[in-house]
């Protein structure tokens, strides 16, 4: 790939000073963005087949639990009134199918969710915008957000951007995020890696969490 300057893209980004590694903190949280039926069921209007993403995220959560790492799930859900008033839905009217209380907004039951996990309901793309997520993570003294979920080009990217802007290091395990098409997925992973966080293999993410066992993270 060549940039507008005629240089290979990687050299253009390196010249701009992008792509440095982020800190892997001692107190991470796993943020699972919108792995709800409305996104993981390919028969849903807003969905895609994210079976592999759900499986990889489940493995990550299991490793996190063993290290005492908190898990935060998000869902996006609208009341009937909000489907008429939220401006985003004028651009993406299909999202109005994500009604509060419907099966579409329930967390995919293939994920190992427990009563100890946190749940944030949001109205926009970012898990931080208009929610208590930043305060929740601060209260848990979290320093690193391990972001999973759907979609890579939408809610995952928006959450990664807001996470780093809120003062958290960002890690995105590539097998734990998915989208409706490969092009937007790949482009946004490239951009996250360049500017907002580290895009890593899920195996590396699990090794990172395994390395926290017995550390201060378990004292929450």
N, C-alpha and C. Protein backbone atom coordinates (compact mmCIF):
# COMPACT_ATOMS: atom_id res chain seq x y z
N UNK A 1 0.85 -1.19 0.00
CA UNK A 1 0.00 0.00 0.00
C UNK A 1 0.88 1.24 0.00
N UNK A 2 0.51 2.22 -0.83
CA UNK A 2 1.28 3.45 -0.94
C UNK A 2 0.44 4.62 -0.45
N UNK A 3 1.06 5.53 0.28
CA UNK A 3 0.36 6.70 0.81
C UNK A 3 0.27 7.78 -0.25
N UNK A 4 -0.41 8.88 0.10
CA UNK A 4 -0.56 9.99 -0.83
C UNK A 4 0.78 10.68 -1.10
N UNK A 5 1.79 10.39 -0.28
CA UNK A 5 3.10 10.99 -0.48
C UNK A 5 4.01 10.14 -1.36
N UNK A 6 3.49 9.01 -1.86
CA UNK A 6 4.28 8.15 -2.71
C UNK A 6 5.18 7.20 -1.95
N UNK A 7 5.10 7.20 -0.61
CA UNK A 7 5.91 6.30 0.21
C UNK A 7 5.05 5.12 0.65
N UNK A 8 5.67 3.99 0.96
CA UNK A 8 4.90 2.90 1.56
C UNK A 8 4.20 3.38 2.82
N UNK A 9 2.99 2.88 3.05
CA UNK A 9 2.19 3.37 4.17
C UNK A 9 2.91 3.22 5.50
N UNK A 10 3.60 2.07 5.71
CA UNK A 10 4.25 1.88 7.00
C UNK A 10 5.34 2.93 7.23
N UNK A 11 6.05 3.35 6.17
CA UNK A 11 7.08 4.38 6.33
C UNK A 11 6.45 5.74 6.60
N UNK A 12 5.32 6.02 5.96
CA UNK A 12 4.62 7.29 6.20
C UNK A 12 4.17 7.39 7.65
N UNK A 13 3.61 6.30 8.18
CA UNK A 13 3.13 6.32 9.56
C UNK A 13 4.30 6.37 10.54
N UNK A 14 5.40 5.67 10.22
CA UNK A 14 6.56 5.71 11.09
C UNK A 14 7.14 7.12 11.13
N UNK A 15 7.18 7.79 9.98
CA UNK A 15 7.69 9.16 9.92
C UNK A 15 6.85 10.09 10.78
N UNK A 16 5.53 9.82 10.83
CA UNK A 16 4.63 10.64 11.63
C UNK A 16 4.71 10.32 13.12
N UNK A 17 5.43 9.25 13.46
CA UNK A 17 5.57 8.90 14.87
C UNK A 17 4.43 8.07 15.42
N UNK A 18 3.72 7.34 14.56
CA UNK A 18 2.62 6.48 14.99
C UNK A 18 3.12 5.06 15.25
N UNK A 19 2.32 4.32 16.02
CA UNK A 19 2.56 2.89 16.16
C UNK A 19 3.42 2.47 17.32
N UNK A 20 3.74 3.37 18.24
CA UNK A 20 4.52 2.96 19.41
C UNK A 20 3.71 2.02 20.29
N UNK A 21 4.40 1.17 21.02
CA UNK A 21 3.72 0.22 21.91
C UNK A 21 3.17 0.93 23.14
N UNK A 22 2.02 0.45 23.62
CA UNK A 22 1.43 1.02 24.84
C UNK A 22 1.88 0.21 26.05
N UNK A 23 1.73 0.81 27.22
CA UNK A 23 2.04 0.11 28.47
C UNK A 23 1.00 -0.98 28.73
N UNK A 24 1.45 -2.11 29.22
CA UNK A 24 0.55 -3.14 29.72
C UNK A 24 0.51 -3.00 31.23
N UNK A 25 -0.57 -2.44 31.73
CA UNK A 25 -0.65 -2.14 33.14
C UNK A 25 -0.87 -3.37 34.00
N UNK A 26 -0.78 -3.17 35.30
CA UNK A 26 -0.96 -4.26 36.26
C UNK A 26 -2.41 -4.44 36.67
N UNK A 27 -3.29 -3.51 36.23
CA UNK A 27 -4.68 -3.59 36.65
C UNK A 27 -5.62 -3.40 35.45
N UNK A 28 -5.70 -4.41 34.60
CA UNK A 28 -6.56 -4.30 33.42
C UNK A 28 -8.01 -4.65 33.72
N UNK A 29 -8.86 -4.28 32.79
CA UNK A 29 -10.25 -4.76 32.76
C UNK A 29 -10.54 -5.21 31.34
N UNK A 30 -11.38 -6.22 31.21
CA UNK A 30 -11.83 -6.67 29.90
C UNK A 30 -13.16 -5.97 29.61
N UNK A 31 -13.22 -5.26 28.50
CA UNK A 31 -14.44 -4.55 28.11
C UNK A 31 -14.99 -5.25 26.86
N UNK A 32 -16.13 -5.90 27.01
CA UNK A 32 -16.74 -6.68 25.93
C UNK A 32 -17.86 -5.83 25.34
N UNK A 33 -17.61 -5.30 24.15
CA UNK A 33 -18.51 -4.32 23.54
C UNK A 33 -19.55 -5.02 22.66
N UNK A 34 -20.78 -4.97 23.09
CA UNK A 34 -21.94 -5.31 22.25
C UNK A 34 -21.90 -6.71 21.62
N UNK A 35 -21.39 -7.69 22.33
CA UNK A 35 -21.53 -9.06 21.84
C UNK A 35 -22.89 -9.58 22.29
N UNK A 36 -23.90 -8.93 21.74
CA UNK A 36 -25.30 -9.27 22.02
C UNK A 36 -25.87 -10.03 20.82
N UNK A 37 -27.02 -10.62 21.04
CA UNK A 37 -27.63 -11.42 19.96
C UNK A 37 -27.84 -10.61 18.69
N UNK A 38 -28.14 -9.33 18.85
CA UNK A 38 -28.38 -8.49 17.69
C UNK A 38 -27.17 -8.32 16.81
N UNK A 39 -25.97 -8.56 17.36
CA UNK A 39 -24.74 -8.44 16.59
C UNK A 39 -24.12 -9.79 16.26
N UNK A 40 -24.34 -10.80 17.08
CA UNK A 40 -23.67 -12.09 16.88
C UNK A 40 -24.52 -13.11 16.15
N UNK A 41 -25.81 -12.83 15.98
CA UNK A 41 -26.71 -13.74 15.28
C UNK A 41 -26.79 -13.33 13.81
N UNK A 42 -26.32 -14.14 12.88
CA UNK A 42 -26.34 -13.73 11.47
C UNK A 42 -27.75 -13.56 10.90
N UNK A 43 -28.76 -14.09 11.60
CA UNK A 43 -30.13 -13.91 11.13
C UNK A 43 -30.75 -12.60 11.60
N UNK A 44 -30.08 -11.90 12.52
CA UNK A 44 -30.58 -10.62 12.99
C UNK A 44 -30.29 -9.55 11.95
N UNK A 45 -31.16 -8.54 11.81
CA UNK A 45 -30.93 -7.49 10.81
C UNK A 45 -29.59 -6.79 10.97
N UNK A 46 -29.14 -6.63 12.20
CA UNK A 46 -27.88 -5.93 12.47
C UNK A 46 -26.73 -6.89 12.71
N UNK A 47 -26.97 -8.19 12.54
CA UNK A 47 -26.00 -9.19 12.96
C UNK A 47 -25.07 -9.72 11.90
N UNK A 48 -24.11 -10.52 12.36
CA UNK A 48 -23.16 -11.24 11.51
C UNK A 48 -22.76 -12.50 12.27
N UNK A 49 -22.15 -13.44 11.57
CA UNK A 49 -21.71 -14.66 12.23
C UNK A 49 -20.40 -14.39 12.95
N UNK A 50 -20.48 -14.17 14.25
CA UNK A 50 -19.30 -13.86 15.05
C UNK A 50 -18.96 -15.01 15.99
N UNK A 51 -19.23 -16.23 15.53
CA UNK A 51 -18.98 -17.42 16.36
C UNK A 51 -17.54 -17.47 16.83
N UNK A 52 -16.59 -17.23 15.93
CA UNK A 52 -15.19 -17.29 16.31
C UNK A 52 -14.82 -16.18 17.29
N UNK A 53 -15.41 -15.01 17.12
CA UNK A 53 -15.14 -13.89 18.04
C UNK A 53 -15.67 -14.22 19.43
N UNK A 54 -16.87 -14.79 19.51
CA UNK A 54 -17.44 -15.17 20.80
C UNK A 54 -16.56 -16.22 21.48
N UNK A 55 -16.08 -17.20 20.72
CA UNK A 55 -15.25 -18.26 21.29
C UNK A 55 -13.93 -17.70 21.82
N UNK A 56 -13.28 -16.84 21.03
CA UNK A 56 -12.01 -16.26 21.47
C UNK A 56 -12.19 -15.36 22.68
N UNK A 57 -13.27 -14.59 22.69
CA UNK A 57 -13.55 -13.71 23.83
C UNK A 57 -13.85 -14.54 25.08
N UNK A 58 -14.54 -15.64 24.92
CA UNK A 58 -14.80 -16.53 26.06
C UNK A 58 -13.50 -17.03 26.67
N UNK A 59 -12.55 -17.42 25.83
CA UNK A 59 -11.25 -17.88 26.32
C UNK A 59 -10.54 -16.75 27.08
N UNK A 60 -10.63 -15.55 26.54
CA UNK A 60 -9.98 -14.41 27.19
C UNK A 60 -10.61 -14.12 28.55
N UNK A 61 -11.94 -14.15 28.61
CA UNK A 61 -12.63 -13.90 29.88
C UNK A 61 -12.24 -14.94 30.91
N UNK A 62 -12.18 -16.20 30.50
CA UNK A 62 -11.80 -17.27 31.43
C UNK A 62 -10.41 -17.02 32.01
N UNK A 63 -9.48 -16.60 31.17
CA UNK A 63 -8.14 -16.28 31.65
C UNK A 63 -8.17 -15.07 32.59
N UNK A 64 -8.99 -14.09 32.25
CA UNK A 64 -9.09 -12.91 33.10
C UNK A 64 -9.66 -13.22 34.47
N UNK A 65 -10.66 -14.07 34.52
CA UNK A 65 -11.25 -14.42 35.81
C UNK A 65 -10.22 -15.07 36.73
N UNK A 66 -9.38 -15.93 36.16
CA UNK A 66 -8.37 -16.61 36.96
C UNK A 66 -7.36 -15.64 37.57
N UNK A 67 -7.23 -14.46 36.93
CA UNK A 67 -6.31 -13.43 37.43
C UNK A 67 -7.03 -12.34 38.22
N UNK A 68 -8.33 -12.51 38.46
CA UNK A 68 -9.08 -11.51 39.20
C UNK A 68 -9.36 -10.24 38.43
N UNK A 69 -9.35 -10.33 37.11
CA UNK A 69 -9.56 -9.15 36.27
C UNK A 69 -11.06 -8.89 36.09
N UNK A 70 -11.53 -7.67 36.33
CA UNK A 70 -12.95 -7.39 36.15
C UNK A 70 -13.36 -7.43 34.68
N UNK A 71 -14.62 -7.81 34.45
CA UNK A 71 -15.17 -7.90 33.11
C UNK A 71 -16.38 -6.98 33.03
N UNK A 72 -16.40 -6.14 31.99
CA UNK A 72 -17.51 -5.23 31.76
C UNK A 72 -18.13 -5.56 30.40
N UNK A 73 -19.41 -5.87 30.40
CA UNK A 73 -20.13 -6.08 29.16
C UNK A 73 -20.91 -4.81 28.83
N UNK A 74 -21.07 -4.55 27.53
CA UNK A 74 -21.95 -3.46 27.13
C UNK A 74 -23.01 -3.99 26.18
N UNK A 75 -24.15 -3.34 26.22
CA UNK A 75 -25.21 -3.59 25.25
C UNK A 75 -25.72 -2.24 24.78
N UNK A 76 -26.21 -2.20 23.57
CA UNK A 76 -26.82 -0.97 23.05
C UNK A 76 -28.30 -1.24 22.89
N UNK A 77 -29.12 -0.41 23.53
CA UNK A 77 -30.57 -0.66 23.56
C UNK A 77 -31.32 0.66 23.62
N UNK A 78 -32.47 0.67 22.94
CA UNK A 78 -33.27 1.90 22.84
C UNK A 78 -34.70 1.66 23.30
N UNK A 79 -35.24 2.68 23.94
CA UNK A 79 -36.66 2.70 24.24
C UNK A 79 -37.41 3.11 22.98
N UNK A 80 -38.73 2.88 22.91
CA UNK A 80 -39.49 3.35 21.74
C UNK A 80 -39.34 4.85 21.51
N UNK A 81 -39.30 5.64 22.58
CA UNK A 81 -39.15 7.09 22.42
C UNK A 81 -37.80 7.43 21.81
N UNK A 82 -36.75 6.72 22.23
CA UNK A 82 -35.41 7.01 21.74
C UNK A 82 -35.25 6.67 20.25
N UNK A 83 -36.01 5.71 19.78
CA UNK A 83 -35.90 5.39 18.35
C UNK A 83 -36.38 6.54 17.48
N UNK A 84 -37.14 7.46 18.07
CA UNK A 84 -37.60 8.63 17.33
C UNK A 84 -36.72 9.85 17.55
N UNK A 85 -35.88 9.82 18.61
CA UNK A 85 -35.15 11.03 18.97
C UNK A 85 -33.64 10.95 18.82
N UNK A 86 -33.08 9.75 18.79
CA UNK A 86 -31.63 9.61 18.69
C UNK A 86 -31.20 9.87 17.24
N UNK A 87 -30.38 10.88 17.04
CA UNK A 87 -30.01 11.31 15.69
C UNK A 87 -29.26 10.21 14.94
N UNK A 88 -28.44 9.44 15.64
CA UNK A 88 -27.67 8.37 15.00
C UNK A 88 -28.59 7.41 14.23
N UNK A 89 -29.79 7.19 14.77
CA UNK A 89 -30.70 6.23 14.15
C UNK A 89 -31.28 6.75 12.83
N UNK A 90 -31.14 8.04 12.58
CA UNK A 90 -31.54 8.56 11.27
C UNK A 90 -30.54 8.15 10.18
N UNK A 91 -29.30 7.99 10.59
CA UNK A 91 -28.27 7.52 9.68
C UNK A 91 -28.26 6.00 9.59
N UNK A 92 -28.50 5.35 10.71
CA UNK A 92 -28.46 3.89 10.79
C UNK A 92 -29.78 3.37 11.35
N UNK A 93 -30.87 3.49 10.59
CA UNK A 93 -32.19 3.14 11.12
C UNK A 93 -32.34 1.68 11.49
N UNK A 94 -31.51 0.81 10.92
CA UNK A 94 -31.59 -0.60 11.29
C UNK A 94 -31.29 -0.85 12.75
N UNK A 95 -30.52 0.06 13.38
CA UNK A 95 -30.17 -0.10 14.79
C UNK A 95 -31.39 0.07 15.69
N UNK A 96 -32.46 0.64 15.19
CA UNK A 96 -33.67 0.81 15.99
C UNK A 96 -34.29 -0.53 16.38
N UNK A 97 -33.86 -1.60 15.73
CA UNK A 97 -34.35 -2.93 16.10
C UNK A 97 -33.81 -3.38 17.45
N UNK A 98 -32.82 -2.67 17.97
CA UNK A 98 -32.22 -3.02 19.26
C UNK A 98 -33.04 -2.39 20.38
N UNK A 99 -34.21 -2.92 20.61
CA UNK A 99 -35.15 -2.39 21.61
C UNK A 99 -34.84 -2.92 23.00
N UNK A 100 -34.95 -2.06 23.99
CA UNK A 100 -34.78 -2.48 25.38
C UNK A 100 -35.71 -3.65 25.70
N UNK A 101 -35.17 -4.67 26.36
CA UNK A 101 -35.96 -5.82 26.77
C UNK A 101 -36.13 -6.89 25.72
N UNK A 102 -35.65 -6.64 24.50
CA UNK A 102 -35.79 -7.63 23.43
C UNK A 102 -34.63 -8.61 23.47
N UNK A 103 -34.81 -9.80 22.86
CA UNK A 103 -33.70 -10.76 22.80
C UNK A 103 -32.47 -10.21 22.08
N UNK A 104 -32.68 -9.25 21.18
CA UNK A 104 -31.56 -8.70 20.41
C UNK A 104 -30.51 -8.02 21.27
N UNK A 105 -30.93 -7.46 22.41
CA UNK A 105 -30.00 -6.69 23.23
C UNK A 105 -29.43 -7.51 24.39
N UNK A 106 -29.79 -8.78 24.46
CA UNK A 106 -29.25 -9.66 25.50
C UNK A 106 -27.84 -10.10 25.13
N UNK A 107 -26.97 -10.22 26.13
CA UNK A 107 -25.62 -10.71 25.90
C UNK A 107 -25.70 -12.15 25.38
N UNK A 108 -24.92 -12.44 24.36
CA UNK A 108 -24.88 -13.79 23.78
C UNK A 108 -24.61 -14.81 24.89
N UNK A 109 -25.51 -15.79 25.03
CA UNK A 109 -25.38 -16.71 26.17
C UNK A 109 -24.25 -17.73 26.01
N UNK A 110 -23.53 -17.68 24.90
CA UNK A 110 -22.33 -18.51 24.76
C UNK A 110 -21.15 -17.91 25.53
N UNK A 111 -21.26 -16.65 25.92
CA UNK A 111 -20.20 -16.00 26.69
C UNK A 111 -20.32 -16.36 28.16
N UNK A 112 -19.21 -16.54 28.85
CA UNK A 112 -19.24 -16.95 30.27
C UNK A 112 -19.50 -15.78 31.21
N UNK A 113 -20.65 -15.18 31.08
CA UNK A 113 -21.01 -14.05 31.93
C UNK A 113 -21.51 -14.53 33.29
N UNK A 114 -21.16 -13.81 34.35
CA UNK A 114 -21.61 -14.15 35.70
C UNK A 114 -22.21 -12.92 36.36
N UNK A 115 -22.82 -13.14 37.53
CA UNK A 115 -23.41 -12.03 38.27
C UNK A 115 -22.35 -11.05 38.79
N UNK A 116 -21.10 -11.47 38.81
CA UNK A 116 -20.03 -10.59 39.27
C UNK A 116 -19.59 -9.59 38.20
N UNK A 117 -20.05 -9.80 36.97
CA UNK A 117 -19.65 -8.92 35.88
C UNK A 117 -20.51 -7.66 35.84
N UNK A 118 -19.97 -6.62 35.26
CA UNK A 118 -20.68 -5.35 35.13
C UNK A 118 -21.37 -5.28 33.77
N UNK A 119 -22.48 -4.54 33.73
CA UNK A 119 -23.21 -4.35 32.47
C UNK A 119 -23.50 -2.87 32.29
N UNK A 120 -23.09 -2.35 31.15
CA UNK A 120 -23.33 -0.96 30.79
C UNK A 120 -24.27 -0.92 29.59
N UNK A 121 -25.35 -0.15 29.68
CA UNK A 121 -26.25 0.06 28.54
C UNK A 121 -25.92 1.40 27.92
N UNK A 122 -25.70 1.40 26.62
CA UNK A 122 -25.30 2.62 25.94
C UNK A 122 -26.26 2.95 24.80
N UNK A 123 -26.16 4.16 24.33
CA UNK A 123 -27.04 4.64 23.26
C UNK A 123 -26.26 5.03 22.01
N UNK A 124 -24.94 5.13 22.14
CA UNK A 124 -24.10 5.52 21.02
C UNK A 124 -23.05 4.47 20.75
N UNK A 125 -22.10 4.82 19.88
CA UNK A 125 -21.08 3.85 19.49
C UNK A 125 -20.10 3.56 20.62
N UNK A 126 -19.54 4.59 21.22
CA UNK A 126 -18.55 4.40 22.27
C UNK A 126 -19.18 3.89 23.56
N UNK A 127 -18.50 2.96 24.21
CA UNK A 127 -18.96 2.48 25.51
C UNK A 127 -18.78 3.53 26.59
N UNK A 128 -18.03 4.59 26.29
CA UNK A 128 -17.80 5.66 27.26
C UNK A 128 -18.80 6.80 27.14
N UNK A 129 -19.29 7.06 25.93
CA UNK A 129 -20.11 8.25 25.71
C UNK A 129 -21.46 8.12 26.42
N UNK A 130 -21.72 9.05 27.33
CA UNK A 130 -23.00 9.09 28.03
C UNK A 130 -23.23 7.96 28.99
N UNK A 131 -22.16 7.25 29.41
CA UNK A 131 -22.30 6.13 30.33
C UNK A 131 -21.42 6.35 31.56
N UNK A 132 -21.48 5.41 32.48
CA UNK A 132 -20.66 5.47 33.70
C UNK A 132 -19.38 4.65 33.58
N UNK A 133 -19.01 4.25 32.36
CA UNK A 133 -17.87 3.33 32.22
C UNK A 133 -16.58 3.93 32.74
N UNK A 134 -16.28 5.17 32.40
CA UNK A 134 -15.02 5.77 32.86
C UNK A 134 -14.96 5.81 34.38
N UNK A 135 -16.07 6.19 35.02
CA UNK A 135 -16.10 6.23 36.49
C UNK A 135 -15.97 4.82 37.08
N UNK A 136 -16.61 3.85 36.44
CA UNK A 136 -16.51 2.46 36.91
C UNK A 136 -15.07 1.97 36.86
N UNK A 137 -14.39 2.19 35.74
CA UNK A 137 -13.01 1.74 35.61
C UNK A 137 -12.10 2.48 36.58
N UNK A 138 -12.35 3.77 36.76
CA UNK A 138 -11.55 4.54 37.72
C UNK A 138 -11.76 4.01 39.13
N UNK A 139 -13.00 3.67 39.47
CA UNK A 139 -13.29 3.12 40.79
C UNK A 139 -12.62 1.79 41.03
N UNK A 140 -12.43 1.03 39.97
CA UNK A 140 -11.73 -0.25 40.06
C UNK A 140 -10.22 -0.10 39.94
N UNK A 141 -9.76 1.14 39.86
CA UNK A 141 -8.34 1.49 39.68
C UNK A 141 -7.73 0.78 38.48
N UNK A 142 -8.48 0.70 37.42
CA UNK A 142 -8.02 0.08 36.19
C UNK A 142 -7.05 1.01 35.47
N UNK A 143 -6.02 0.42 34.85
CA UNK A 143 -5.09 1.22 34.06
C UNK A 143 -5.05 0.81 32.59
N UNK A 144 -5.64 -0.34 32.26
CA UNK A 144 -5.57 -0.86 30.90
C UNK A 144 -6.91 -1.45 30.51
N UNK A 145 -7.42 -1.08 29.34
CA UNK A 145 -8.67 -1.63 28.83
C UNK A 145 -8.37 -2.62 27.72
N UNK A 146 -8.78 -3.86 27.92
CA UNK A 146 -8.65 -4.89 26.90
C UNK A 146 -10.01 -4.95 26.19
N UNK A 147 -10.07 -4.41 24.99
CA UNK A 147 -11.34 -4.18 24.31
C UNK A 147 -11.63 -5.30 23.32
N UNK A 148 -12.80 -5.90 23.48
CA UNK A 148 -13.29 -6.95 22.59
C UNK A 148 -14.64 -6.52 22.03
N UNK A 149 -15.18 -7.27 21.06
CA UNK A 149 -16.57 -7.05 20.68
C UNK A 149 -16.83 -6.72 19.24
N UNK A 150 -17.93 -6.01 19.03
CA UNK A 150 -18.43 -5.71 17.69
C UNK A 150 -19.05 -4.30 17.68
N UNK A 151 -18.99 -3.66 16.54
CA UNK A 151 -18.21 -4.06 15.39
C UNK A 151 -16.88 -3.32 15.41
N UNK A 152 -15.87 -3.89 14.75
CA UNK A 152 -14.54 -3.31 14.76
C UNK A 152 -14.55 -1.87 14.26
N UNK A 153 -15.30 -1.62 13.20
CA UNK A 153 -15.30 -0.30 12.57
C UNK A 153 -16.23 0.69 13.25
N UNK A 154 -17.06 0.21 14.17
CA UNK A 154 -18.03 1.06 14.83
C UNK A 154 -17.76 1.20 16.32
N UNK A 155 -18.44 0.38 17.09
CA UNK A 155 -18.41 0.53 18.54
C UNK A 155 -17.06 0.16 19.15
N UNK A 156 -16.34 -0.79 18.56
CA UNK A 156 -15.02 -1.14 19.09
C UNK A 156 -14.04 0.00 18.87
N UNK A 157 -14.00 0.51 17.66
CA UNK A 157 -13.09 1.63 17.39
C UNK A 157 -13.43 2.84 18.26
N UNK A 158 -14.71 3.19 18.34
CA UNK A 158 -15.11 4.35 19.15
C UNK A 158 -14.73 4.15 20.61
N UNK A 159 -14.89 2.95 21.11
CA UNK A 159 -14.54 2.65 22.50
C UNK A 159 -13.03 2.73 22.70
N UNK A 160 -12.26 2.22 21.75
CA UNK A 160 -10.80 2.29 21.86
C UNK A 160 -10.32 3.74 21.88
N UNK A 161 -10.89 4.57 21.01
CA UNK A 161 -10.51 5.98 20.96
C UNK A 161 -10.83 6.67 22.29
N UNK A 162 -12.04 6.46 22.79
CA UNK A 162 -12.43 7.11 24.05
C UNK A 162 -11.68 6.55 25.24
N UNK A 163 -11.30 5.27 25.18
CA UNK A 163 -10.54 4.68 26.28
C UNK A 163 -9.19 5.36 26.43
N UNK A 164 -8.46 5.52 25.33
CA UNK A 164 -7.15 6.15 25.44
C UNK A 164 -7.30 7.63 25.79
N UNK A 165 -8.35 8.28 25.30
CA UNK A 165 -8.59 9.68 25.65
C UNK A 165 -9.00 9.83 27.11
N UNK A 166 -9.48 8.74 27.71
CA UNK A 166 -9.86 8.77 29.13
C UNK A 166 -8.71 8.34 30.03
N UNK A 167 -7.55 8.05 29.44
CA UNK A 167 -6.37 7.78 30.26
C UNK A 167 -6.03 6.32 30.44
N UNK A 168 -6.63 5.44 29.66
CA UNK A 168 -6.37 4.01 29.78
C UNK A 168 -5.52 3.52 28.61
N UNK A 169 -4.53 2.67 28.90
CA UNK A 169 -3.88 1.96 27.82
C UNK A 169 -4.90 1.03 27.17
N UNK A 170 -4.76 0.81 25.87
CA UNK A 170 -5.74 0.02 25.12
C UNK A 170 -5.05 -1.16 24.44
N UNK A 171 -5.62 -2.34 24.66
CA UNK A 171 -5.21 -3.55 23.96
C UNK A 171 -6.43 -4.11 23.25
N UNK A 172 -6.28 -4.50 22.00
CA UNK A 172 -7.38 -5.09 21.23
C UNK A 172 -6.91 -6.43 20.68
N UNK A 173 -7.35 -7.54 21.26
CA UNK A 173 -7.02 -8.85 20.70
C UNK A 173 -7.78 -9.05 19.39
N UNK A 174 -7.06 -9.22 18.30
CA UNK A 174 -7.70 -9.19 16.97
C UNK A 174 -8.73 -10.30 16.79
N UNK A 175 -8.52 -11.46 17.41
CA UNK A 175 -9.49 -12.54 17.27
C UNK A 175 -10.77 -12.29 18.05
N UNK A 176 -10.74 -11.30 18.94
CA UNK A 176 -11.87 -11.01 19.82
C UNK A 176 -12.74 -9.86 19.32
N UNK A 177 -12.50 -9.40 18.11
CA UNK A 177 -13.34 -8.35 17.52
C UNK A 177 -13.76 -8.78 16.12
N UNK A 178 -14.93 -8.31 15.70
CA UNK A 178 -15.43 -8.69 14.39
C UNK A 178 -16.33 -7.64 13.79
N UNK A 179 -16.59 -7.82 12.51
CA UNK A 179 -17.37 -6.83 11.76
C UNK A 179 -18.20 -7.56 10.71
N UNK A 180 -18.98 -6.78 9.97
CA UNK A 180 -19.84 -7.35 8.93
C UNK A 180 -19.10 -7.58 7.61
N UNK A 181 -17.94 -6.95 7.45
CA UNK A 181 -17.17 -7.06 6.22
C UNK A 181 -15.69 -6.95 6.56
N UNK A 182 -14.86 -7.60 5.74
CA UNK A 182 -13.43 -7.66 6.02
C UNK A 182 -12.74 -6.31 5.84
N UNK A 183 -13.15 -5.52 4.84
CA UNK A 183 -12.49 -4.25 4.57
C UNK A 183 -12.52 -3.29 5.75
N UNK A 184 -13.71 -2.97 6.27
CA UNK A 184 -13.77 -2.08 7.44
C UNK A 184 -13.06 -2.66 8.66
N UNK A 185 -13.17 -3.96 8.84
CA UNK A 185 -12.50 -4.63 9.97
C UNK A 185 -10.99 -4.41 9.89
N UNK A 186 -10.40 -4.74 8.75
CA UNK A 186 -8.95 -4.63 8.61
C UNK A 186 -8.48 -3.18 8.70
N UNK A 187 -9.20 -2.28 8.05
CA UNK A 187 -8.80 -0.87 8.06
C UNK A 187 -8.81 -0.29 9.46
N UNK A 188 -9.79 -0.65 10.24
CA UNK A 188 -9.88 -0.08 11.58
C UNK A 188 -8.91 -0.71 12.56
N UNK A 189 -8.58 -1.99 12.37
CA UNK A 189 -7.51 -2.57 13.18
C UNK A 189 -6.18 -1.87 12.86
N UNK A 190 -5.94 -1.58 11.59
CA UNK A 190 -4.74 -0.84 11.20
C UNK A 190 -4.70 0.51 11.91
N UNK A 191 -5.82 1.22 11.92
CA UNK A 191 -5.85 2.55 12.50
C UNK A 191 -5.72 2.52 14.02
N UNK A 192 -6.37 1.55 14.65
CA UNK A 192 -6.22 1.42 16.11
C UNK A 192 -4.77 1.17 16.47
N UNK A 193 -4.13 0.25 15.74
CA UNK A 193 -2.73 -0.06 16.01
C UNK A 193 -1.84 1.16 15.81
N UNK A 194 -2.13 1.95 14.81
CA UNK A 194 -1.30 3.12 14.52
C UNK A 194 -1.45 4.22 15.57
N UNK A 195 -2.68 4.42 16.07
CA UNK A 195 -2.94 5.65 16.82
C UNK A 195 -3.48 5.49 18.24
N UNK A 196 -4.12 4.38 18.56
CA UNK A 196 -4.89 4.36 19.80
C UNK A 196 -4.53 3.23 20.78
N UNK A 197 -4.06 2.11 20.30
CA UNK A 197 -3.74 1.00 21.18
C UNK A 197 -2.95 -0.05 20.44
N UNK A 198 -2.66 -1.14 21.13
CA UNK A 198 -1.94 -2.24 20.51
C UNK A 198 -2.94 -3.32 20.08
N UNK A 199 -2.89 -3.70 18.82
CA UNK A 199 -3.67 -4.81 18.31
C UNK A 199 -2.79 -6.04 18.42
N UNK A 200 -3.21 -7.02 19.22
CA UNK A 200 -2.37 -8.16 19.53
C UNK A 200 -3.14 -9.45 19.29
N UNK A 201 -2.42 -10.57 19.25
CA UNK A 201 -3.08 -11.88 19.16
C UNK A 201 -3.74 -12.20 20.48
N UNK A 202 -4.83 -12.96 20.43
CA UNK A 202 -5.50 -13.34 21.67
C UNK A 202 -4.58 -14.19 22.55
N UNK A 203 -3.70 -14.96 21.93
CA UNK A 203 -2.74 -15.75 22.72
C UNK A 203 -1.85 -14.84 23.56
N UNK A 204 -1.39 -13.73 22.96
CA UNK A 204 -0.57 -12.77 23.70
C UNK A 204 -1.37 -12.13 24.81
N UNK A 205 -2.65 -11.82 24.54
CA UNK A 205 -3.50 -11.22 25.56
C UNK A 205 -3.70 -12.18 26.73
N UNK A 206 -3.91 -13.45 26.44
CA UNK A 206 -4.10 -14.44 27.50
C UNK A 206 -2.81 -14.61 28.31
N UNK A 207 -1.67 -14.60 27.64
CA UNK A 207 -0.39 -14.69 28.36
C UNK A 207 -0.21 -13.49 29.29
N UNK A 208 -0.62 -12.32 28.82
CA UNK A 208 -0.55 -11.11 29.65
C UNK A 208 -1.41 -11.27 30.90
N UNK A 209 -2.65 -11.76 30.73
CA UNK A 209 -3.53 -11.95 31.87
C UNK A 209 -3.02 -13.06 32.79
N UNK A 210 -2.51 -14.12 32.21
CA UNK A 210 -1.96 -15.21 33.03
C UNK A 210 -0.81 -14.71 33.89
N UNK A 211 -0.04 -13.78 33.37
CA UNK A 211 1.10 -13.25 34.11
C UNK A 211 0.71 -12.41 35.30
N UNK A 212 -0.57 -12.04 35.40
CA UNK A 212 -1.04 -11.22 36.52
C UNK A 212 -1.49 -12.06 37.71
N UNK A 213 -1.59 -13.37 37.55
CA UNK A 213 -2.06 -14.21 38.64
C UNK A 213 -1.15 -14.05 39.86
N UNK A 214 -1.77 -13.83 41.00
CA UNK A 214 -1.03 -13.66 42.23
C UNK A 214 -0.51 -12.26 42.45
N UNK A 215 -0.67 -11.38 41.43
CA UNK A 215 -0.21 -10.00 41.58
C UNK A 215 -1.28 -9.17 42.28
N UNK A 216 -1.05 -7.88 42.35
CA UNK A 216 -1.96 -6.98 43.08
C UNK A 216 -3.34 -6.93 42.47
N UNK A 217 -3.47 -7.30 41.18
CA UNK A 217 -4.77 -7.24 40.56
C UNK A 217 -5.80 -8.10 41.28
N UNK A 218 -5.35 -9.15 41.95
CA UNK A 218 -6.28 -10.06 42.63
C UNK A 218 -6.80 -9.48 43.93
N UNK A 219 -6.28 -8.34 44.35
CA UNK A 219 -6.67 -7.75 45.62
C UNK A 219 -7.81 -6.75 45.51
N UNK A 220 -8.50 -6.73 44.39
CA UNK A 220 -9.58 -5.76 44.21
C UNK A 220 -10.66 -5.97 45.24
